[in-house]
Protein backbone atom coordinates (compact mmCIF):
# COMPACT_ATOMS: atom_id res chain seq x y z
CA MET A 1 -7.30 5.56 15.79
CA PHE A 2 -4.55 6.87 18.06
CA GLU A 3 -1.35 7.72 16.19
CA LYS A 4 1.92 8.96 17.61
CA GLU A 5 4.88 10.34 15.71
CA LYS A 6 8.08 8.40 16.34
CA ARG A 7 11.63 8.51 15.00
CA CYS A 8 13.13 5.42 13.44
CA GLN A 9 15.89 3.93 15.59
CA LYS A 10 17.80 2.89 12.46
CA CYS A 11 17.62 5.85 10.05
CA GLY A 12 16.08 8.69 12.11
CA VAL A 13 13.12 9.43 9.82
CA ALA A 14 9.82 10.44 11.46
CA PHE A 15 6.81 8.14 11.01
CA ASP A 16 3.37 7.51 12.53
CA CYS A 17 2.83 4.65 14.97
CA GLY A 18 -0.72 3.40 15.50
CA GLY A 19 0.02 1.68 18.79
CA LEU A 20 0.04 -1.96 19.82
CA PHE A 21 -3.28 -2.95 18.25
CA GLY A 22 -3.57 -0.65 15.23
CA CYS A 23 -0.12 -0.05 13.81
CA TRP A 24 0.98 -0.76 10.24
CA CYS A 25 3.89 -2.83 11.59
CA ARG A 26 1.54 -5.66 12.55
CA ASP A 27 1.28 -6.50 8.84
CA VAL A 28 5.05 -6.98 8.46
CA LYS A 29 5.98 -10.66 8.67
CA LEU A 30 9.25 -11.40 10.46
CA ASP A 31 10.77 -14.72 11.40
CA LYS A 32 12.18 -15.49 14.87
CA THR A 33 15.75 -14.69 13.79
CA ALA A 34 14.78 -11.27 12.44
CA LEU A 35 12.81 -10.49 15.61
CA ALA A 36 15.76 -11.49 17.80
CA THR A 37 18.11 -9.31 15.74
CA LEU A 38 15.76 -6.33 16.04
CA LYS A 39 15.44 -6.75 19.82
CA GLU A 40 19.22 -6.99 20.12
CA ARG A 41 19.95 -3.87 18.05
CA TYR A 42 17.06 -1.47 18.78
CA VAL A 43 15.03 -0.38 21.80
CA ASP A 44 12.18 1.25 19.89
CA CYS A 45 10.33 1.10 16.57
CA LEU A 46 11.67 1.27 13.04
CA CYS A 47 10.07 3.12 10.13
CA PRO A 48 8.22 1.14 7.44
CA ASN A 49 11.17 1.13 5.03
CA CYS A 50 13.71 -0.07 7.59
CA LEU A 51 11.41 -2.70 9.10
CA LYS A 52 10.57 -4.08 5.65
CA GLN A 53 14.31 -4.56 5.02
CA PHE A 54 14.25 -7.15 7.79
CA GLU A 55 11.17 -8.78 6.27
CA THR A 56 12.94 -9.31 2.96
CA MET A 57 15.94 -10.78 4.79
CA ALA A 58 13.76 -13.51 6.30
CA PRO A 59 14.17 -16.86 4.54
CA SER A 60 11.29 -17.80 2.28
CA THR A 61 8.85 -20.41 3.53
CA LYS A 62 7.54 -21.11 0.03
CA SER A 63 8.44 -24.44 -1.46
CA VAL A 64 10.15 -24.52 -4.83
CA VAL A 65 8.89 -27.12 -7.29
């Protein structure tokens, strides 16, 4: 797998990016609002910790009984 070192646009930490089809970020679930916010604020990738902060901010889709 091709990996490239990148720097997080939010915090500056270095991390590995696996590219469009093999990167860890494809497993992070973001809603449309979070994606729009990311596109508005950043022009490149975020590290796993920063990106996961946006995942936890997404409203839950689970129903409460």
